[in-house]
Amino acid sequence: MVLGVATQVAGCGAGADAARSQHEAQAAARAGAARLAGNAAAASAADADMVSAVSPVASTTPVSLKFRLSDPPQIGQALRLDLALVQAPGLDIDSLLVSLQPSDGLQIESERTAEFHAPAVGATQRIVVTLRPQAAGLLSVAATVLINYGGGSLSRSFSIPLIAVQAPPP
């Protein structure tokens, strides 16, 4: 049997080089696809604990906004707000402008605007915001997103609700 396999392999000659090249090309293509799938899965896993911001517009909007808080909001304590601006697949966007406005009793200690020029199609844009609640109760961050694409533009509004409590004594 070993002699038969050796004879077949030896008889392949030039065909073996072509087969090897084809196999290497297919392996590289599979590795590239796996890498892209892995990146998408990693992004999806990173966003698994994010919550969708409230929007009065139906879900057919070209962007959605998700958020995550680093800690429960406490009066006087800074906290990190992670935002993920998720684009609809296949939409070629020229630019995105995000503007944030806090409600009474809430301070934004970082930039209130973020702009993204020519983002990749279907890409997720990330923004990190530092907030500091100044009062107990229901607070919110209003986010307005201006989307410019294909010669047109539109805006979408989102609300990010927070419930701030008194910080426990030290």
C-alpha atoms as a PDB file:
ATOM      1  CA  MET A   1       0.000   0.000   0.000  1.00  0.00           C
ATOM      2  CA  VAL A   2       2.829   2.429   0.901  1.00  0.00           C
ATOM      3  CA  LEU A   3       4.447   1.652  -2.463  1.00  0.00           C
ATOM      4  CA  GLY A   4       1.170   2.460  -4.256  1.00  0.00           C
ATOM      5  CA  VAL A   5       0.844   5.838  -2.515  1.00  0.00           C
ATOM      6  CA  ALA A   6       4.483   6.670  -3.232  1.00  0.00           C
ATOM      7  CA  THR A   7       3.959   5.812  -6.906  1.00  0.00           C
ATOM      8  CA  GLN A   8       0.855   8.022  -7.127  1.00  0.00           C
ATOM      9  CA  VAL A   9       2.603  10.954  -5.417  1.00  0.00           C
ATOM     10  CA  ALA A  10       5.670  10.612  -7.636  1.00  0.00           C
ATOM     11  CA  GLY A  11       3.461  10.483 -10.729  1.00  0.00           C
ATOM     12  CA  CYS A  12       1.765  13.788  -9.885  1.00  0.00           C
ATOM     13  CA  GLY A  13       4.901  15.861 -10.603  1.00  0.00           C
ATOM     14  CA  ALA A  14       3.876  19.283 -11.925  1.00  0.00           C
ATOM     15  CA  GLY A  15       0.262  18.753 -10.889  1.00  0.00           C
ATOM     16  CA  ALA A  16       1.371  18.617  -7.267  1.00  0.00           C
ATOM     17  CA  ASP A  17       2.809  22.132  -7.440  1.00  0.00           C
ATOM     18  CA  ALA A  18      -0.447  23.486  -8.867  1.00  0.00           C
ATOM     19  CA  ALA A  19      -2.477  21.599  -6.269  1.00  0.00           C
ATOM     20  CA  ARG A  20      -0.219  22.888  -3.498  1.00  0.00           C
ATOM     21  CA  SER A  21      -0.595  26.484  -4.737  1.00  0.00           C
ATOM     22  CA  GLN A  22      -4.364  26.106  -4.948  1.00  0.00           C
ATOM     23  CA  HIS A  23      -4.486  24.579  -1.461  1.00  0.00           C
ATOM     24  CA  GLU A  24      -2.357  27.418  -0.036  1.00  0.00           C
ATOM     25  CA  ALA A  25      -4.596  30.028  -1.676  1.00  0.00           C
ATOM     26  CA  GLN A  26      -7.709  28.360  -0.274  1.00  0.00           C
ATOM     27  CA  ALA A  27      -6.118  28.120   3.187  1.00  0.00           C
ATOM     28  CA  ALA A  28      -5.197  31.816   3.081  1.00  0.00           C
ATOM     29  CA  ALA A  29      -8.743  32.720   2.028  1.00  0.00           C
ATOM     30  CA  ARG A  30     -10.199  30.611   4.869  1.00  0.00           C
ATOM     31  CA  ALA A  31      -7.788  32.219   7.362  1.00  0.00           C
ATOM     32  CA  GLY A  32      -8.803  35.707   6.174  1.00  0.00           C
ATOM     33  CA  ALA A  33     -12.499  34.857   6.470  1.00  0.00           C
ATOM     34  CA  ALA A  34     -11.937  33.364   9.919  1.00  0.00           C
ATOM     35  CA  ARG A  35     -10.032  36.483  11.000  1.00  0.00           C
ATOM     36  CA  LEU A  36     -12.896  38.740   9.824  1.00  0.00           C
ATOM     37  CA  ALA A  37     -15.458  36.509  11.524  1.00  0.00           C
ATOM     38  CA  GLY A  38     -13.315  36.531  14.665  1.00  0.00           C
ATOM     39  CA  ASN A  39     -13.148  40.339  14.637  1.00  0.00           C
ATOM     40  CA  ALA A  40     -16.938  40.540  14.204  1.00  0.00           C
ATOM     41  CA  ALA A  41     -17.459  38.004  16.983  1.00  0.00           C
ATOM     42  CA  ALA A  42     -15.058  39.887  19.266  1.00  0.00           C
ATOM     43  CA  ALA A  43     -16.881  43.171  18.579  1.00  0.00           C
ATOM     44  CA  SER A  44     -20.214  41.467  19.180  1.00  0.00           C
ATOM     45  CA  ALA A  45     -18.941  39.937  22.434  1.00  0.00           C
ATOM     46  CA  ALA A  46     -17.571  43.317  23.545  1.00  0.00           C
ATOM     47  CA  ASP A  47     -20.985  44.872  22.934  1.00  0.00           C
ATOM     48  CA  ALA A  48     -22.977  42.030  24.521  1.00  0.00           C
ATOM     49  CA  ASP A  49     -23.538  43.973  27.746  1.00  0.00           C
ATOM     50  CA  MET A  50     -24.502  47.213  25.999  1.00  0.00           C
ATOM     51  CA  VAL A  51     -28.073  48.531  26.047  1.00  0.00           C
ATOM     52  CA  SER A  52     -29.852  50.266  23.175  1.00  0.00           C
ATOM     53  CA  ALA A  53     -30.513  53.961  23.704  1.00  0.00           C
ATOM     54  CA  VAL A  54     -34.158  55.026  23.398  1.00  0.00           C
ATOM     55  CA  SER A  55     -35.173  56.519  20.049  1.00  0.00           C
ATOM     56  CA  PRO A  56     -38.602  57.725  18.930  1.00  0.00           C
ATOM     57  CA  VAL A  57     -37.824  56.555  15.362  1.00  0.00           C
ATOM     58  CA  ALA A  58     -38.592  53.057  14.069  1.00  0.00           C
ATOM     59  CA  SER A  59     -35.778  50.514  13.890  1.00  0.00           C
ATOM     60  CA  THR A  60     -35.223  51.179  10.161  1.00  0.00           C
ATOM     61  CA  THR A  61     -32.928  54.065  11.066  1.00  0.00           C
ATOM     62  CA  PRO A  62     -29.482  54.002   9.405  1.00  0.00           C
ATOM     63  CA  VAL A  63     -27.754  54.093  12.798  1.00  0.00           C
ATOM     64  CA  SER A  64     -28.476  52.834  16.277  1.00  0.00           C
ATOM     65  CA  LEU A  65     -26.852  53.851  19.540  1.00  0.00           C
ATOM     66  CA  LYS A  66     -25.857  51.496  22.346  1.00  0.00           C
ATOM     67  CA  PHE A  67     -24.376  52.380  25.707  1.00  0.00           C
ATOM     68  CA  ARG A  68     -22.748  50.929  28.803  1.00  0.00           C
ATOM     69  CA  LEU A  69     -21.997  52.570  32.163  1.00  0.00           C
ATOM     70  CA  SER A  70     -18.784  51.739  34.027  1.00  0.00           C
ATOM     71  CA  ASP A  71     -20.479  51.969  37.439  1.00  0.00           C
ATOM     72  CA  PRO A  72     -23.893  52.731  38.915  1.00  0.00           C
ATOM     73  CA  PRO A  73     -24.394  56.529  38.864  1.00  0.00           C
ATOM     74  CA  GLN A  74     -23.718  58.138  42.260  1.00  0.00           C
ATOM     75  CA  ILE A  75     -23.956  61.831  43.089  1.00  0.00           C
ATOM     76  CA  GLY A  76     -20.586  63.569  42.803  1.00  0.00           C
ATOM     77  CA  GLN A  77     -18.797  60.485  41.413  1.00  0.00           C
ATOM     78  CA  ALA A  78     -17.410  60.493  37.867  1.00  0.00           C
ATOM     79  CA  LEU A  79     -18.432  57.587  35.708  1.00  0.00           C
ATOM     80  CA  ARG A  80     -17.561  56.399  32.250  1.00  0.00           C
ATOM     81  CA  LEU A  81     -20.218  56.124  29.556  1.00  0.00           C
ATOM     82  CA  ASP A  82     -19.213  53.966  26.577  1.00  0.00           C
ATOM     83  CA  LEU A  83     -21.185  54.671  23.405  1.00  0.00           C
ATOM     84  CA  ALA A  84     -21.290  52.527  20.275  1.00  0.00           C
ATOM     85  CA  LEU A  85     -22.782  54.080  17.158  1.00  0.00           C
ATOM     86  CA  VAL A  86     -23.748  51.120  14.973  1.00  0.00           C
ATOM     87  CA  GLN A  87     -24.306  51.722  11.252  1.00  0.00           C
ATOM     88  CA  ALA A  88     -26.801  49.779   9.180  1.00  0.00           C
ATOM     89  CA  PRO A  89     -24.998  47.306   6.903  1.00  0.00           C
ATOM     90  CA  GLY A  90     -24.385  48.437   3.337  1.00  0.00           C
ATOM     91  CA  LEU A  91     -24.971  52.153   3.925  1.00  0.00           C
ATOM     92  CA  ASP A  92     -22.125  54.338   2.659  1.00  0.00           C
ATOM     93  CA  ILE A  93     -22.007  57.272   5.096  1.00  0.00           C
ATOM     94  CA  ASP A  94     -20.014  60.424   4.309  1.00  0.00           C
ATOM     95  CA  SER A  95     -19.920  61.704   7.894  1.00  0.00           C
ATOM     96  CA  LEU A  96     -21.487  61.350  11.326  1.00  0.00           C
ATOM     97  CA  LEU A  97     -21.745  64.150  13.883  1.00  0.00           C
ATOM     98  CA  VAL A  98     -22.776  63.211  17.424  1.00  0.00           C
ATOM     99  CA  SER A  99     -23.848  65.908  19.872  1.00  0.00           C
ATOM    100  CA  LEU A 100     -24.519  65.159  23.562  1.00  0.00           C
ATOM    101  CA  GLN A 101     -26.649  67.234  25.933  1.00  0.00           C
ATOM    102  CA  PRO A 102     -27.038  66.364  29.643  1.00  0.00           C
ATOM    103  CA  SER A 103     -30.256  66.873  31.556  1.00  0.00           C
ATOM    104  CA  ASP A 104     -30.384  69.124  34.631  1.00  0.00           C
ATOM    105  CA  GLY A 105     -28.413  67.562  37.474  1.00  0.00           C
ATOM    106  CA  LEU A 106     -25.847  65.902  35.201  1.00  0.00           C
ATOM    107  CA  GLN A 107     -22.482  67.178  33.958  1.00  0.00           C
ATOM    108  CA  ILE A 108     -20.529  66.009  30.936  1.00  0.00           C
ATOM    109  CA  GLU A 109     -16.837  66.430  31.761  1.00  0.00           C
ATOM    110  CA  SER A 110     -15.494  65.334  28.369  1.00  0.00           C
ATOM    111  CA  GLU A 111     -16.149  66.517  24.818  1.00  0.00           C
ATOM    112  CA  ARG A 112     -19.838  66.974  23.987  1.00  0.00           C
ATOM    113  CA  THR A 113     -19.395  66.341  20.270  1.00  0.00           C
ATOM    114  CA  ALA A 114     -17.682  63.722  18.129  1.00  0.00           C
ATOM    115  CA  GLU A 115     -17.338  63.686  14.363  1.00  0.00           C
ATOM    116  CA  PHE A 116     -16.463  60.779  12.080  1.00  0.00           C
ATOM    117  CA  HIS A 117     -15.517  61.412   8.441  1.00  0.00           C
ATOM    118  CA  ALA A 118     -16.009  58.667   5.817  1.00  0.00           C
ATOM    119  CA  PRO A 119     -16.455  55.796   8.281  1.00  0.00           C
ATOM    120  CA  ALA A 120     -16.077  52.313   6.818  1.00  0.00           C
ATOM    121  CA  VAL A 121     -19.346  50.815   5.580  1.00  0.00           C
ATOM    122  CA  GLY A 122     -21.094  49.020   8.442  1.00  0.00           C
ATOM    123  CA  ALA A 123     -18.430  50.015  10.977  1.00  0.00           C
ATOM    124  CA  THR A 124     -19.150  50.745  14.624  1.00  0.00           C
ATOM    125  CA  GLN A 125     -17.916  54.095  15.947  1.00  0.00           C
ATOM    126  CA  ARG A 126     -17.005  54.296  19.633  1.00  0.00           C
ATOM    127  CA  ILE A 127     -17.136  57.286  21.950  1.00  0.00           C
ATOM    128  CA  VAL A 128     -16.106  57.471  25.615  1.00  0.00           C
ATOM    129  CA  VAL A 129     -17.788  60.135  27.749  1.00  0.00           C
ATOM    130  CA  THR A 130     -17.160  61.098  31.379  1.00  0.00           C
ATOM    131  CA  LEU A 131     -20.296  62.002  33.349  1.00  0.00           C
ATOM    132  CA  ARG A 132     -20.781  63.331  36.882  1.00  0.00           C
ATOM    133  CA  PRO A 133     -24.271  63.239  38.434  1.00  0.00           C
ATOM    134  CA  GLN A 134     -25.023  66.314  40.543  1.00  0.00           C
ATOM    135  CA  ALA A 135     -28.483  65.307  41.788  1.00  0.00           C
ATOM    136  CA  ALA A 136     -30.325  62.136  42.755  1.00  0.00           C
ATOM    137  CA  GLY A 137     -33.084  60.742  40.597  1.00  0.00           C
ATOM    138  CA  LEU A 138     -33.784  60.170  36.941  1.00  0.00           C
ATOM    139  CA  LEU A 139     -31.236  61.901  34.713  1.00  0.00           C
ATOM    140  CA  SER A 140     -30.523  61.531  31.028  1.00  0.00           C
ATOM    141  CA  VAL A 141     -28.128  62.271  28.205  1.00  0.00           C
ATOM    142  CA  ALA A 142     -29.702  63.302  24.908  1.00  0.00           C
ATOM    143  CA  ALA A 143     -27.697  62.298  21.838  1.00  0.00           C
ATOM    144  CA  THR A 144     -28.382  63.808  18.423  1.00  0.00           C
ATOM    145  CA  VAL A 145     -26.723  62.126  15.456  1.00  0.00           C
ATOM    146  CA  LEU A 146     -26.462  63.970  12.128  1.00  0.00           C
ATOM    147  CA  ILE A 147     -25.883  61.548   9.256  1.00  0.00           C
ATOM    148  CA  ASN A 148     -24.636  62.763   5.857  1.00  0.00           C
ATOM    149  CA  TYR A 149     -24.780  60.231   3.050  1.00  0.00           C
ATOM    150  CA  GLY A 150     -25.179  60.129  -0.725  1.00  0.00           C
ATOM    151  CA  GLY A 151     -26.032  63.799  -1.116  1.00  0.00           C
ATOM    152  CA  GLY A 152     -28.626  63.804   1.662  1.00  0.00           C
ATOM    153  CA  SER A 153     -28.676  64.147   5.415  1.00  0.00           C
ATOM    154  CA  LEU A 154     -30.907  63.279   8.320  1.00  0.00           C
ATOM    155  CA  SER A 155     -30.751  63.398  12.078  1.00  0.00           C
ATOM    156  CA  ARG A 156     -31.725  60.923  14.752  1.00  0.00           C
ATOM    157  CA  SER A 157     -32.292  61.577  18.449  1.00  0.00           C
ATOM    158  CA  PHE A 158     -31.590  59.145  21.249  1.00  0.00           C
ATOM    159  CA  SER A 159     -32.041  59.271  25.015  1.00  0.00           C
ATOM    160  CA  ILE A 160     -29.812  57.551  27.566  1.00  0.00           C
ATOM    161  CA  PRO A 161     -31.575  57.301  30.940  1.00  0.00           C
ATOM    162  CA  LEU A 162     -29.660  57.160  34.250  1.00  0.00           C
ATOM    163  CA  ILE A 163     -30.804  56.816  37.826  1.00  0.00           C
ATOM    164  CA  ALA A 164     -28.368  58.514  40.199  1.00  0.00           C
ATOM    165  CA  VAL A 165     -28.299  57.756  43.911  1.00  0.00           C
ATOM    166  CA  GLN A 166     -26.530  59.250  46.900  1.00  0.00           C
ATOM    167  CA  ALA A 167     -23.007  57.849  47.283  1.00  0.00           C
ATOM    168  CA  PRO A 168     -22.616  55.657  50.372  1.00  0.00           C
ATOM    169  CA  PRO A 169     -20.671  57.199  53.254  1.00  0.00           C
ATOM    170  CA  PRO A 170     -16.955  56.289  53.328  1.00  0.00           C
END
